[in-house]
Protein backbone atom coordinates (compact mmCIF):
# COMPACT_ATOMS: atom_id res chain seq x y z
CA MET A 1 -29.44 37.86 -73.11
CA ILE A 2 -30.41 41.28 -74.46
CA LYS A 3 -30.17 42.17 -78.15
CA SER A 4 -31.56 45.11 -80.06
CA PHE A 5 -32.19 46.02 -83.66
CA PHE A 6 -33.54 49.02 -85.52
CA VAL A 7 -36.53 49.38 -87.80
CA GLN A 8 -37.33 52.34 -90.01
CA THR A 9 -40.98 53.36 -89.81
CA LYS A 10 -43.24 55.57 -91.90
CA GLY A 11 -45.52 56.72 -89.06
CA HIS A 12 -49.31 57.04 -89.33
CA TYR A 13 -50.13 53.39 -88.53
CA ASP A 14 -47.06 51.70 -89.92
CA PHE A 15 -47.39 48.01 -88.96
CA ILE A 16 -44.11 46.08 -88.86
CA ASN A 17 -44.04 42.33 -88.24
CA LEU A 18 -41.22 41.59 -85.78
CA THR A 19 -41.91 37.87 -85.37
CA ASP A 20 -39.13 36.45 -87.55
CA LYS A 21 -36.45 38.70 -86.02
CA VAL A 22 -37.59 37.95 -82.46
CA GLU A 23 -37.65 34.19 -83.14
CA GLU A 24 -34.14 34.42 -84.62
CA ILE A 25 -32.86 36.15 -81.47
CA VAL A 26 -34.54 33.55 -79.24
CA LYS A 27 -32.86 30.71 -81.16
CA LEU A 28 -29.45 32.44 -81.02
CA SER A 29 -29.82 32.90 -77.25
CA GLY A 30 -29.67 29.15 -76.63
CA VAL A 31 -32.52 29.45 -74.13
CA LYS A 32 -34.67 26.31 -74.27
CA GLU A 33 -37.34 27.36 -71.77
CA GLY A 34 -38.09 30.78 -70.39
CA SER A 35 -39.63 33.97 -71.68
CA VAL A 36 -38.99 36.73 -74.13
CA LEU A 37 -39.59 40.45 -73.70
CA VAL A 38 -39.97 42.64 -76.78
CA PHE A 39 -39.82 46.36 -75.98
CA CYS A 40 -39.68 49.60 -77.95
CA ALA A 41 -38.76 52.83 -76.19
CA GLY A 42 -41.05 55.62 -77.31
CA SER A 43 -44.36 57.18 -76.43
CA THR A 44 -45.87 57.16 -79.94
CA VAL A 45 -45.30 53.48 -80.76
CA ALA A 46 -46.81 50.16 -79.63
CA VAL A 47 -45.80 46.52 -79.50
CA THR A 48 -48.55 43.92 -79.50
CA THR A 49 -49.65 40.60 -80.96
CA MET A 50 -52.21 40.26 -83.71
CA GLU A 51 -52.99 38.43 -86.90
CA PHE A 52 -50.77 40.30 -89.37
CA GLU A 53 -53.40 40.68 -92.07
CA GLU A 54 -54.70 43.70 -93.97
CA GLY A 55 -58.27 43.44 -92.66
CA VAL A 56 -57.12 43.35 -89.04
CA LYS A 57 -54.79 46.29 -89.67
CA LYS A 58 -57.68 48.32 -91.09
CA ASP A 59 -59.94 47.33 -88.19
CA ILE A 60 -57.35 48.33 -85.58
CA ARG A 61 -56.87 51.66 -87.31
CA SER A 62 -60.64 52.21 -87.46
CA VAL A 63 -61.15 51.47 -83.76
CA LEU A 64 -58.20 53.57 -82.63
CA GLU A 65 -59.22 56.51 -84.82
CA LYS A 66 -62.64 56.50 -83.13
CA MET A 67 -60.98 56.49 -79.72
CA ALA A 68 -58.16 58.97 -80.47
CA PRO A 69 -58.56 60.69 -83.86
CA GLU A 70 -55.46 62.25 -85.41
CA ASP A 71 -57.39 65.35 -86.50
CA PHE A 72 -58.53 66.31 -82.96
CA ASP A 73 -57.10 69.42 -81.29
CA TRP A 74 -55.22 67.65 -78.50
CA GLU A 75 -53.80 69.62 -75.55
CA HIS A 76 -50.43 68.08 -76.35
CA HIS A 77 -50.39 69.99 -79.65
CA LYS A 78 -50.80 73.30 -77.85
CA LYS A 79 -47.87 72.63 -75.53
CA TRP A 80 -45.35 71.29 -78.03
CA GLY A 81 -46.47 72.57 -81.42
CA ASP A 82 -46.46 69.12 -83.01
CA HIS A 83 -49.50 67.10 -84.03
CA ASN A 84 -48.94 63.68 -82.53
CA GLY A 85 -51.20 63.90 -79.48
CA ALA A 86 -53.33 60.99 -80.71
CA SER A 87 -50.16 58.93 -81.16
CA HIS A 88 -49.38 59.24 -77.46
CA ILE A 89 -52.90 58.12 -76.51
CA LYS A 90 -52.76 55.06 -78.81
CA SER A 91 -49.34 54.06 -77.48
CA ALA A 92 -50.59 54.31 -73.90
CA LEU A 93 -53.66 52.21 -74.73
CA ILE A 94 -51.78 49.34 -76.38
CA GLY A 95 -48.44 49.53 -74.59
CA VAL A 96 -44.83 49.34 -75.72
CA SER A 97 -43.95 45.75 -74.85
CA PHE A 98 -44.85 42.10 -75.25
CA VAL A 99 -43.84 39.20 -73.01
CA GLY A 100 -44.32 35.62 -74.13
CA PRO A 101 -43.21 32.13 -73.16
CA VAL A 102 -40.32 30.28 -74.79
CA LYS A 103 -40.36 26.49 -75.07
CA ASP A 104 -37.93 24.35 -77.05
CA SER A 105 -36.18 27.57 -78.15
CA GLN A 106 -39.38 28.86 -79.81
CA VAL A 107 -41.71 31.70 -78.91
CA LEU A 108 -45.10 30.17 -78.15
CA LEU A 109 -47.52 31.99 -80.41
CA GLY A 110 -50.93 31.04 -81.76
CA THR A 111 -51.32 29.83 -85.33
CA TRP A 112 -51.97 33.30 -86.76
CA GLN A 113 -50.40 35.35 -83.97
CA SER A 114 -47.52 37.68 -84.83
CA ILE A 115 -45.46 40.11 -82.75
CA VAL A 116 -46.06 43.52 -84.29
CA LEU A 117 -44.76 47.05 -83.84
CA ILE A 118 -47.21 49.82 -84.74
CA ASP A 119 -45.83 53.32 -85.22
CA PHE A 120 -48.49 55.99 -84.72
CA ASP A 121 -46.29 59.08 -84.98
CA GLU A 122 -46.87 61.79 -87.54
CA LYS A 123 -43.53 61.27 -89.26
CA PRO A 124 -41.04 58.52 -90.08
CA ARG A 125 -38.76 57.41 -87.28
CA GLN A 126 -35.99 54.95 -86.61
CA ARG A 127 -37.12 52.73 -83.74
CA GLU A 128 -34.92 50.56 -81.57
CA VAL A 129 -36.51 47.26 -80.63
CA VAL A 130 -35.01 45.58 -77.56
CA VAL A 131 -35.39 41.82 -77.10
CA GLU A 132 -34.54 40.17 -73.78
CA VAL A 133 -34.55 36.38 -73.62
CA MET A 134 -34.72 35.01 -70.07
CA LYS A 135 -34.07 31.44 -69.01
CA SER A 136 -36.46 29.77 -66.56
CA GLN A 137 -34.98 29.11 -63.13
């Protein structure tokens, strides 16, 4: 089963917890055992798991800014005239999808683990999140 939903983002490290929505879709699918894929099309966004807590959010931002600072003169800026070159780097580093196991119609996550979308772009965007629930063979 494949379902999608939209989230409105603010850009510049907007962290959005997708866990509840993904778990709802898994339950509605009727799949007891299998896996779930959470995907967001875009090259300036990421989907990952993390503890959804302010300190972790600040730490992730700090590490990624050291690796790919927004205020750097990226080659991408010269080609397209926008200023989201760092966003593309961060997206490529983290990735745009998460796959996890489903057991008893629940996504198996750690105690503090959440499924999170991070929008790195320089402006607000509407993002489509695609969730595919697959039954084990």
